[in-house]
Amino acid sequence: MGRPVSKVREATLELYRKKGKIHAKQTSGTFNTLRWSMVWLTQIIFYGTCWLTWESDGLTRQAVYFDIARRKLHLFGLVLWPQDALLFAFVLIVAATALFLVTAVAGRLFCGFACPQTVYTMIFTWIEAKVEGDHLARLKLDQAPHSARKLFIKSTKHGLWFLVAAWTSITFVGYFTPIRELLPNILSVQVGPWEAFWLIFYCTFTFVMAGLAREAVCQHMCPYSRFQGVMFDPSTLNVSYDPARGEPRGARGNGRATGDCIDCGICVQVCPTGIDIRDGLQYQCINCGLCIDACNEVMTRIGAPTGLIRFASERELAGQRPAKGLTGKPRVLIYASLVIVFSLFGVYALSDRSLLLVEVMRDRGALLRETPHGTIENAYTVKLINLKEAPRDFRLQVAGMPGLEVVGDRDFSVDPGQIRPVFVTVSAPGDGALSGIQPITFHVVANDDPTTRVETKSSFILP
């Protein structure tokens, strides 16, 4: 007898599951309707918002516009500048924490319903189904030898995919170059180098990700699928198969006791990532709920209760009582608290936001100088930052010491979005009543709106 082959030697490393192209069967039901509702909602917002206009200070502009050249972001009536980076930080923190909260409550719900990869894959597969037919027809076409008919059908599908990808890239760039200017420039081939790069890149990216890669993105490329499990706990809801009800599997009417699962395999046929939910929780599952719709339809046909596959927690499937309130769900409590706290911080930062920013820096070249008139002068550089979409005039004043005053001009004009450094000399009596470093305050007030005022503390040096 020969030596047994080592199982270690037989083991191979598979970087990905070799299943070939997945042609998911179409299904209908509650979750499929919800998914398409999210497709319509997200795409109406994405494709439509860039066409909205907004009137401000007598000018009409695009309502949502990322003006990279002038370093500002137009959000309807709100204009944000680089100085508002804290607001962007709060938005990102709240978005990330909200995603963690949704994951802790219901697993990869975002992946199955609102992720751009899911949304555009649904659009592309819908086009594929309209051109090539149902899942069986598509599979048969892929396996058929090359022919003029196959070339025509495939070319039509890819052509429609390209049109969707191209319009998506135009819309994306239209948020950075006004869409009404971008379209004529594209038609006349007068786009700039950066615009051309992003048009080509985003079109190619959308075509490859949604049309060719599809489920491979969710299975192998998306980092979220790899670490989202650390946010789960026994109370997290996931699309789950109930083995207590379903096992043992088998066709009914064969004279032996079976569970509710008739082993029809339809849950696998409708899965966009090609997994078998009956194998338990898997990171490839995007919680889209299509297997729930398909299984419920089968259960209705055979007269069994629906819910063999459903959103259920590990605690529920184990027959345990669900946790009561948020105290039994620490992850949910923590994530929800963080969302609320950072949302409040963001609202406060936005409400407390001033359209005037002032920075004061002392002249480091000379601490002080004494004039022939017996006064002491200190020099400062005052940076006036106007965050309003109109030029404004500001008056500069100082306070904090007897006889303290600004020497020279006190009124300064600043263009919209401009950072204007002005050189200011401040004098104080040199009578010897005070000495050393004294605290002072710079007051800057907008001439057109006295409520727009900023106070900045500094210091005045005396002998």
Protein backbone atom coordinates (compact mmCIF):
# COMPACT_ATOMS: atom_id res chain seq x y z
CA MET A 1 0.00 0.00 0.00
CA GLY A 2 1.26 3.47 -0.83
CA ARG A 3 1.77 6.15 1.74
CA PRO A 4 -1.35 8.21 2.47
CA VAL A 5 -1.32 11.67 0.91
CA SER A 6 -0.92 14.37 3.54
CA LYS A 7 -4.01 16.53 3.92
CA VAL A 8 -1.73 19.49 4.52
CA ARG A 9 -0.18 18.98 1.08
CA GLU A 10 -3.63 18.75 -0.50
CA ALA A 11 -4.75 22.01 1.07
CA THR A 12 -4.69 24.92 -1.33
CA LEU A 13 -5.07 28.60 -0.71
CA GLU A 14 -8.09 30.08 -2.48
CA LEU A 15 -8.00 33.83 -2.72
CA TYR A 16 -11.60 33.88 -3.93
CA ARG A 17 -14.43 31.46 -4.50
CA LYS A 18 -14.45 30.21 -8.08
CA LYS A 19 -18.16 30.15 -8.88
CA GLY A 20 -18.17 31.84 -12.23
CA LYS A 21 -20.56 34.64 -13.10
CA ILE A 22 -23.63 34.79 -10.89
CA HIS A 23 -26.98 35.20 -12.64
CA ALA A 24 -29.44 35.81 -9.82
CA LYS A 25 -33.08 34.93 -10.31
CA GLN A 26 -35.45 37.86 -10.06
CA THR A 27 -37.93 37.85 -7.21
CA SER A 28 -40.60 40.13 -5.81
CA GLY A 29 -41.68 41.00 -2.33
CA THR A 30 -41.33 43.51 0.48
CA PHE A 31 -37.55 43.69 0.57
CA ASN A 32 -37.17 43.84 -3.21
CA THR A 33 -39.63 46.76 -3.24
CA LEU A 34 -37.67 48.52 -0.49
CA ARG A 35 -34.42 48.05 -2.39
CA TRP A 36 -35.84 49.57 -5.56
CA SER A 37 -37.32 52.42 -3.52
CA MET A 38 -33.81 53.18 -2.27
CA VAL A 39 -32.50 53.05 -5.85
CA TRP A 40 -35.07 55.60 -6.97
CA LEU A 41 -34.53 57.82 -3.93
CA THR A 42 -30.73 57.90 -4.11
CA GLN A 43 -30.56 58.37 -7.87
CA ILE A 44 -33.18 61.11 -7.98
CA ILE A 45 -31.10 62.96 -5.39
CA PHE A 46 -27.78 62.26 -7.14
CA TYR A 47 -28.83 62.94 -10.73
CA GLY A 48 -31.25 65.77 -9.92
CA THR A 49 -29.56 67.89 -7.25
CA CYS A 50 -26.84 69.21 -9.56
CA TRP A 51 -29.57 70.80 -11.76
CA LEU A 52 -31.09 72.83 -8.93
CA THR A 53 -30.34 76.55 -8.81
CA TRP A 54 -30.16 79.01 -5.93
CA GLU A 55 -30.40 82.80 -5.84
CA SER A 56 -28.10 84.64 -3.46
CA ASP A 57 -27.15 88.35 -3.36
CA GLY A 58 -28.85 88.88 -6.72
CA LEU A 59 -26.88 86.08 -8.39
CA THR A 60 -28.15 82.71 -9.60
CA ARG A 61 -25.80 79.75 -9.14
CA GLN A 62 -25.88 75.99 -8.85
CA ALA A 63 -27.47 75.01 -5.53
CA VAL A 64 -24.87 72.34 -4.66
CA TYR A 65 -21.45 73.15 -6.05
CA PHE A 66 -17.95 72.24 -4.88
CA ASP A 67 -15.91 75.22 -6.07
CA ILE A 68 -12.42 73.77 -5.72
CA ALA A 69 -10.71 76.69 -7.48
CA ARG A 70 -12.09 79.21 -4.98
CA ARG A 71 -11.95 76.74 -2.08
CA LYS A 72 -15.60 76.87 -1.08
CA LEU A 73 -18.65 74.63 -1.03
CA HIS A 74 -22.12 75.90 -1.90
CA LEU A 75 -24.94 74.02 -0.15
CA PHE A 76 -28.05 75.90 -1.16
CA GLY A 77 -27.90 79.05 1.03
CA LEU A 78 -24.87 77.91 3.01
CA VAL A 79 -21.32 78.60 1.86
CA LEU A 80 -18.56 76.64 3.58
CA TRP A 81 -14.87 77.49 3.46
CA PRO A 82 -11.72 75.63 4.51
CA GLN A 83 -12.07 77.38 7.87
CA ASP A 84 -15.23 75.30 8.38
CA ALA A 85 -13.30 72.04 8.36
CA LEU A 86 -14.63 71.24 11.84
CA LEU A 87 -18.14 70.97 10.40
CA PHE A 88 -16.92 68.48 7.80
CA ALA A 89 -15.26 66.49 10.56
CA PHE A 90 -18.52 66.31 12.51
CA VAL A 91 -20.42 65.21 9.39
CA LEU A 92 -17.93 62.40 8.72
CA ILE A 93 -17.94 61.28 12.35
CA VAL A 94 -21.74 61.21 12.51
CA ALA A 95 -21.97 59.34 9.18
CA ALA A 96 -19.43 56.71 10.27
CA THR A 97 -21.01 56.27 13.69
CA ALA A 98 -24.50 56.03 12.17
CA LEU A 99 -23.20 53.26 9.90
CA PHE A 100 -21.82 51.44 12.94
CA LEU A 101 -25.18 51.90 14.69
CA VAL A 102 -27.12 50.43 11.76
CA THR A 103 -24.68 47.52 11.63
CA ALA A 104 -25.04 46.82 15.34
CA VAL A 105 -28.84 46.83 15.01
CA ALA A 106 -29.38 45.02 11.70
CA GLY A 107 -26.05 43.88 10.26
CA ARG A 108 -25.07 44.93 6.75
CA LEU A 109 -28.35 46.69 6.09
CA PHE A 110 -26.57 49.62 4.43
CA CYS A 111 -24.80 47.20 2.06
CA GLY A 112 -28.03 45.58 0.94
CA PHE A 113 -30.11 48.71 0.42
CA ALA A 114 -28.10 51.95 0.08
CA CYS A 115 -24.49 51.13 -0.83
CA PRO A 116 -23.58 52.68 -4.22
CA GLN A 117 -22.16 49.32 -5.33
CA THR A 118 -25.51 47.66 -4.64
CA VAL A 119 -27.52 50.46 -6.22
CA TYR A 120 -25.60 50.56 -9.49
CA THR A 121 -25.31 46.78 -9.69
CA MET A 122 -29.12 46.61 -9.48
CA ILE A 123 -29.41 49.15 -12.30
CA PHE A 124 -26.93 47.30 -14.47
CA THR A 125 -28.46 43.86 -13.84
CA TRP A 126 -31.91 45.28 -14.63
CA ILE A 127 -30.58 46.44 -17.99
CA GLU A 128 -28.98 43.03 -18.51
CA ALA A 129 -32.27 41.27 -17.80
CA LYS A 130 -34.15 43.49 -20.23
CA VAL A 131 -31.62 42.85 -23.00
CA GLU A 132 -30.65 39.20 -22.43
CA GLY A 133 -33.69 37.78 -20.62
CA ASP A 134 -34.13 36.03 -17.28
CA HIS A 135 -31.37 34.27 -15.33
CA LEU A 136 -31.69 31.02 -17.31
CA ALA A 137 -31.58 32.86 -20.64
CA ARG A 138 -28.50 34.79 -19.55
CA LEU A 139 -26.75 31.63 -18.43
CA LYS A 140 -27.60 29.90 -21.70
CA LEU A 141 -26.34 32.89 -23.68
CA ASP A 142 -23.01 32.90 -21.79
CA GLN A 143 -22.52 29.20 -22.51
CA ALA A 144 -23.50 29.49 -26.18
CA PRO A 145 -20.77 29.60 -28.84
CA HIS A 146 -19.86 32.91 -30.41
CA SER A 147 -22.30 34.08 -33.04
CA ALA A 148 -23.59 37.26 -34.64
CA ARG A 149 -26.69 37.16 -32.42
CA LYS A 150 -24.63 36.80 -29.26
CA LEU A 151 -22.32 39.62 -30.34
CA PHE A 152 -25.29 41.89 -31.06
CA ILE A 153 -26.98 41.21 -27.69
CA LYS A 154 -23.77 41.61 -25.71
CA SER A 155 -22.86 44.79 -27.58
CA THR A 156 -26.29 46.26 -26.92
CA LYS A 157 -26.03 45.51 -23.21
CA HIS A 158 -22.53 46.94 -22.88
CA GLY A 159 -23.54 49.99 -24.90
CA LEU A 160 -26.40 50.72 -22.50
CA TRP A 161 -24.09 50.12 -19.55
CA PHE A 162 -21.65 52.62 -21.02
CA LEU A 163 -24.38 55.26 -21.42
CA VAL A 164 -25.41 54.90 -17.77
CA ALA A 165 -21.77 54.98 -16.63
CA ALA A 166 -21.03 58.01 -18.83
CA TRP A 167 -24.01 59.96 -17.53
CA THR A 168 -23.07 59.03 -13.98
CA SER A 169 -19.54 60.39 -14.50
CA ILE A 170 -20.91 63.59 -16.08
CA THR A 171 -23.21 64.08 -13.09
CA PHE A 172 -20.36 63.46 -10.65
CA VAL A 173 -18.08 66.01 -12.35
CA GLY A 174 -21.10 68.35 -12.59
CA TYR A 175 -20.88 68.92 -8.86
CA PHE A 176 -17.35 70.34 -9.29
CA THR A 177 -17.83 72.10 -12.63
CA PRO A 178 -21.30 73.63 -13.06
CA ILE A 179 -23.32 71.07 -14.99
CA ARG A 180 -24.76 73.69 -17.35
CA GLU A 181 -21.23 74.69 -18.34
CA LEU A 182 -19.86 71.16 -18.41
CA LEU A 183 -22.26 69.73 -21.00
CA PRO A 184 -21.49 72.31 -23.74
CA ASN A 185 -17.78 71.89 -23.03
CA ILE A 186 -18.06 68.11 -23.47
CA LEU A 187 -19.98 68.45 -26.72
CA SER A 188 -17.38 70.89 -28.06
CA VAL A 189 -14.48 68.83 -26.66
CA GLN A 190 -13.20 71.75 -24.58
CA VAL A 191 -12.99 70.17 -21.14
CA GLY A 192 -9.93 70.76 -19.01
CA PRO A 193 -7.37 68.06 -18.20
CA TRP A 194 -8.69 67.39 -14.69
CA GLU A 195 -12.29 67.29 -15.88
CA ALA A 196 -11.33 64.88 -18.67
CA PHE A 197 -9.46 62.65 -16.21
CA TRP A 198 -12.38 62.38 -13.81
CA LEU A 199 -14.92 61.88 -16.61
CA ILE A 200 -12.92 58.95 -17.97
CA PHE A 201 -11.98 57.54 -14.57
CA TYR A 202 -15.45 57.68 -13.01
CA CYS A 203 -17.11 56.29 -16.15
CA THR A 204 -14.66 53.38 -16.25
CA PHE A 205 -14.94 52.82 -12.51
CA THR A 206 -18.75 52.66 -12.63
CA PHE A 207 -18.74 50.36 -15.68
CA VAL A 208 -16.24 47.92 -14.17
CA MET A 209 -17.58 47.88 -10.61
CA ALA A 210 -21.30 47.63 -11.41
CA GLY A 211 -21.15 45.76 -14.69
CA LEU A 212 -18.19 43.39 -14.48
CA ALA A 213 -17.06 43.03 -10.86
CA ARG A 214 -20.49 43.02 -9.19
CA GLU A 215 -20.57 40.60 -6.28
CA ALA A 216 -16.76 40.31 -6.27
CA VAL A 217 -16.66 43.80 -4.76
CA CYS A 218 -18.85 42.71 -1.83
CA GLN A 219 -17.07 39.38 -1.41
CA HIS A 220 -13.42 40.31 -1.81
CA MET A 221 -12.77 44.03 -2.30
CA CYS A 222 -14.93 45.81 0.26
CA PRO A 223 -13.05 46.20 3.57
CA TYR A 224 -16.31 46.78 5.43
CA SER A 225 -17.36 43.16 4.88
CA ARG A 226 -14.19 42.01 6.63
CA PHE A 227 -14.51 43.97 9.86
CA GLN A 228 -18.25 44.52 10.21
CA GLY A 229 -18.51 41.32 12.27
CA VAL A 230 -16.79 43.01 15.21
CA MET A 231 -19.85 45.27 15.56
CA PHE A 232 -22.24 42.34 15.92
CA ASP A 233 -23.52 41.01 19.22
CA PRO A 234 -26.04 38.25 20.03
CA SER A 235 -28.89 40.76 19.63
CA THR A 236 -27.90 41.97 16.15
CA LEU A 237 -30.52 41.20 13.51
CA ASN A 238 -29.28 39.43 10.39
CA VAL A 239 -30.88 37.59 7.53
CA SER A 240 -30.95 34.11 9.04
CA TYR A 241 -32.26 30.64 8.30
CA ASP A 242 -34.14 28.97 11.17
CA PRO A 243 -32.74 25.42 11.33
CA ALA A 244 -35.11 24.46 14.15
CA ARG A 245 -38.01 24.92 11.72
CA GLY A 246 -36.34 23.95 8.51
CA GLU A 247 -34.44 20.77 9.32
CA PRO A 248 -34.42 18.06 8.21
CA ARG A 249 -34.80 19.27 4.65
CA GLY A 250 -36.69 17.36 2.01
CA ALA A 251 -39.69 17.21 -0.24
CA ARG A 252 -43.03 16.82 1.48
CA GLY A 253 -45.27 13.78 1.03
CA ASN A 254 -42.55 11.14 0.97
CA GLY A 255 -43.77 9.45 4.14
CA ARG A 256 -41.05 10.76 6.46
CA ALA A 257 -40.93 13.66 8.83
CA THR A 258 -39.31 16.75 7.34
CA GLY A 259 -38.87 20.36 8.30
CA ASP A 260 -40.42 23.30 6.51
CA CYS A 261 -37.45 23.62 4.13
CA ILE A 262 -38.23 21.64 0.97
CA ASP A 263 -34.66 22.13 -0.31
CA CYS A 264 -35.84 23.97 -3.42
CA GLY A 265 -32.66 26.10 -3.48
CA ILE A 266 -34.49 29.25 -4.50
CA CYS A 267 -32.80 31.18 -1.68
CA VAL A 268 -29.48 30.50 -3.41
CA GLN A 269 -30.82 31.33 -6.88
CA VAL A 270 -31.97 34.83 -5.89
CA CYS A 271 -28.89 35.73 -3.81
CA PRO A 272 -26.85 38.47 -5.54
CA THR A 273 -23.63 37.20 -3.93
CA GLY A 274 -24.35 33.52 -4.61
CA ILE A 275 -24.26 32.19 -1.05
CA ASP A 276 -26.49 29.65 0.69
CA ILE A 277 -28.01 31.36 3.71
CA ARG A 278 -28.75 27.94 5.19
CA ASP A 279 -25.02 27.55 5.88
CA GLY A 280 -25.28 30.17 8.61
CA LEU A 281 -23.99 33.73 8.97
CA GLN A 282 -21.43 34.59 6.26
CA TYR A 283 -19.55 37.80 5.66
CA GLN A 284 -20.59 37.75 1.98
CA CYS A 285 -24.25 38.23 2.97
CA ILE A 286 -25.29 41.84 2.39
CA ASN A 287 -28.63 41.56 4.24
CA CYS A 288 -30.63 42.46 1.13
CA GLY A 289 -33.54 40.22 2.17
CA LEU A 290 -34.18 38.80 -1.32
CA CYS A 291 -33.93 35.24 0.02
CA ILE A 292 -36.63 36.17 2.55
CA ASP A 293 -38.96 37.30 -0.23
CA ALA A 294 -38.31 34.15 -2.27
CA CYS A 295 -38.67 31.76 0.68
CA ASN A 296 -41.85 33.42 1.91
CA GLU A 297 -43.36 32.93 -1.53
CA VAL A 298 -42.51 29.22 -1.41
CA MET A 299 -43.85 28.85 2.12
CA THR A 300 -47.12 30.46 1.04
CA ARG A 301 -47.44 28.02 -1.85
CA ILE A 302 -46.94 24.93 0.30
CA GLY A 303 -49.15 26.23 3.09
CA ALA A 304 -46.39 26.63 5.69
CA PRO A 305 -45.88 29.72 7.89
CA THR A 306 -43.63 32.40 6.42
CA GLY A 307 -40.44 33.46 8.16
CA LEU A 308 -38.33 30.35 7.70
CA ILE A 309 -35.71 32.83 6.53
CA ARG A 310 -36.06 36.17 8.29
CA PHE A 311 -34.24 38.93 10.10
CA ALA A 312 -33.40 37.27 13.39
CA SER A 313 -30.74 37.56 16.07
CA GLU A 314 -28.45 34.84 17.35
CA ARG A 315 -30.31 35.04 20.65
CA GLU A 316 -33.67 34.47 18.94
CA LEU A 317 -32.46 31.49 16.89
CA ALA A 318 -31.08 29.92 20.07
CA GLY A 319 -34.51 30.17 21.70
CA GLN A 320 -33.42 32.81 24.21
CA ARG A 321 -35.45 35.79 25.27
CA PRO A 322 -34.54 39.00 23.43
CA ALA A 323 -32.66 41.69 25.34
CA LYS A 324 -34.93 44.35 26.81
CA GLY A 325 -34.23 47.97 26.05
CA LEU A 326 -30.87 49.46 25.19
CA THR A 327 -29.27 48.31 28.45
CA GLY A 328 -29.08 44.80 27.03
CA LYS A 329 -27.48 46.10 23.82
CA PRO A 330 -24.31 47.92 24.88
CA ARG A 331 -22.99 48.44 21.34
CA VAL A 332 -26.24 50.01 20.21
CA LEU A 333 -26.31 52.24 23.27
CA ILE A 334 -22.73 53.43 22.70
CA TYR A 335 -23.17 54.08 18.98
CA ALA A 336 -26.52 55.84 19.47
CA SER A 337 -25.02 58.05 22.18
CA LEU A 338 -22.10 58.99 19.95
CA VAL A 339 -24.43 59.86 17.07
CA ILE A 340 -26.49 62.14 19.33
CA VAL A 341 -23.46 63.79 20.97
CA PHE A 342 -21.61 64.55 17.73
CA SER A 343 -24.83 65.68 16.03
CA LEU A 344 -25.37 68.18 18.83
CA PHE A 345 -21.78 69.35 18.53
CA GLY A 346 -22.26 69.82 14.79
CA VAL A 347 -25.51 71.77 15.24
CA TYR A 348 -23.84 73.98 17.86
CA ALA A 349 -20.80 74.60 15.64
CA LEU A 350 -23.07 75.53 12.73
CA SER A 351 -25.29 77.83 14.81
CA ASP A 352 -22.25 79.50 16.43
CA ARG A 353 -20.49 79.91 13.09
CA SER A 354 -19.37 83.46 12.38
CA LEU A 355 -18.95 84.93 8.90
CA LEU A 356 -15.96 86.87 10.23
CA LEU A 357 -12.77 85.32 11.52
CA VAL A 358 -9.91 87.31 13.02
CA GLU A 359 -6.35 86.27 13.80
CA VAL A 360 -3.90 88.59 15.58
CA MET A 361 -0.12 88.08 15.56
CA ARG A 362 2.43 90.31 17.24
CA ASP A 363 5.37 91.66 15.27
CA ARG A 364 8.29 89.46 16.30
CA GLY A 365 10.88 91.82 14.88
CA ALA A 366 10.47 94.44 17.64
CA LEU A 367 8.79 94.04 21.00
CA LEU A 368 8.05 97.77 21.36
CA ARG A 369 9.20 101.20 20.27
CA GLU A 370 9.09 104.57 22.00
CA THR A 371 8.00 107.60 19.98
CA PRO A 372 9.29 111.20 20.37
CA HIS A 373 5.89 112.07 21.84
CA GLY A 374 6.48 109.73 24.79
CA THR A 375 4.06 106.99 23.72
CA ILE A 376 4.79 103.28 23.41
CA GLU A 377 3.85 101.48 20.21
CA ASN A 378 3.44 97.78 19.44
CA ALA A 379 3.02 96.42 15.90
CA TYR A 380 0.59 93.64 14.95
CA THR A 381 -0.56 91.74 11.87
CA VAL A 382 -4.33 91.28 11.90
CA LYS A 383 -5.81 88.75 9.47
CA LEU A 384 -9.42 89.52 8.54
CA ILE A 385 -11.29 86.59 6.98
CA ASN A 386 -14.60 87.43 5.30
CA LEU A 387 -16.75 84.29 4.90
CA LYS A 388 -19.70 86.12 3.37
CA GLU A 389 -20.47 86.02 -0.35
CA ALA A 390 -20.14 89.82 -0.61
CA PRO A 391 -17.44 92.43 0.09
CA ARG A 392 -17.64 93.90 3.58
CA ASP A 393 -16.14 96.80 5.51
CA PHE A 394 -14.87 96.25 9.04
CA ARG A 395 -13.80 98.63 11.81
CA LEU A 396 -10.93 97.71 14.11
CA GLN A 397 -10.74 98.89 17.71
CA VAL A 398 -8.64 97.99 20.76
CA ALA A 399 -9.37 98.06 24.49
CA GLY A 400 -7.89 96.90 27.75
CA MET A 401 -5.65 99.81 28.85
CA PRO A 402 -6.17 103.53 29.50
CA GLY A 403 -5.33 105.61 26.44
CA LEU A 404 -4.92 102.60 24.15
CA GLU A 405 -5.68 103.40 20.52
CA VAL A 406 -5.07 102.34 16.93
CA VAL A 407 -2.62 104.51 14.99
CA GLY A 408 -3.68 105.15 11.41
CA ASP A 409 -6.50 103.48 9.49
CA ARG A 410 -9.16 101.65 11.40
CA ASP A 411 -11.54 100.75 8.55
CA PHE A 412 -10.68 97.96 6.14
CA SER A 413 -12.53 96.41 3.18
CA VAL A 414 -12.33 92.67 2.56
CA ASP A 415 -13.55 90.87 -0.56
CA PRO A 416 -15.77 87.75 -0.27
CA GLY A 417 -13.80 84.73 0.86
CA GLN A 418 -10.61 86.76 1.11
CA ILE A 419 -8.04 86.56 3.87
CA ARG A 420 -6.67 90.10 4.17
CA PRO A 421 -3.65 90.72 6.41
CA VAL A 422 -3.49 94.30 7.69
CA PHE A 423 -0.60 95.83 9.59
CA VAL A 424 -1.77 97.68 12.66
CA THR A 425 0.11 99.90 15.09
CA VAL A 426 -1.30 100.31 18.60
CA SER A 427 -0.05 103.00 20.98
CA ALA A 428 -0.40 103.56 24.69
CA PRO A 429 0.81 106.35 27.03
CA GLY A 430 4.34 105.85 28.32
CA ASP A 431 3.73 107.59 31.64
CA GLY A 432 5.02 104.64 33.66
CA ALA A 433 1.68 103.92 35.33
CA LEU A 434 1.82 100.38 33.91
CA SER A 435 4.74 98.18 32.91
CA GLY A 436 5.46 94.76 31.52
CA ILE A 437 3.03 92.65 29.50
CA GLN A 438 -0.58 93.83 29.62
CA PRO A 439 -3.61 91.97 28.20
CA ILE A 440 -5.57 93.80 25.51
CA THR A 441 -8.49 92.92 23.22
CA PHE A 442 -8.98 93.62 19.53
CA HIS A 443 -12.58 94.33 18.50
CA VAL A 444 -13.56 93.92 14.83
CA VAL A 445 -17.11 94.91 13.81
CA ALA A 446 -18.82 94.74 10.42
CA ASN A 447 -20.04 98.20 9.40
CA ASP A 448 -23.14 96.81 7.67
CA ASP A 449 -24.13 94.54 10.58
CA PRO A 450 -23.06 95.43 14.14
CA THR A 451 -24.06 91.96 15.32
CA THR A 452 -21.16 90.54 13.31
CA ARG A 453 -18.31 91.19 15.68
CA VAL A 454 -15.27 89.26 16.88
CA GLU A 455 -13.13 89.83 19.95
CA THR A 456 -9.59 88.48 19.97
CA LYS A 457 -7.23 88.67 22.92
CA SER A 458 -3.58 89.67 22.61
CA SER A 459 -0.95 91.45 24.69
CA PHE A 460 0.76 94.85 24.81
CA ILE A 461 4.35 95.18 25.99
CA LEU A 462 5.45 98.18 28.03
CA PRO A 463 8.92 99.02 29.34
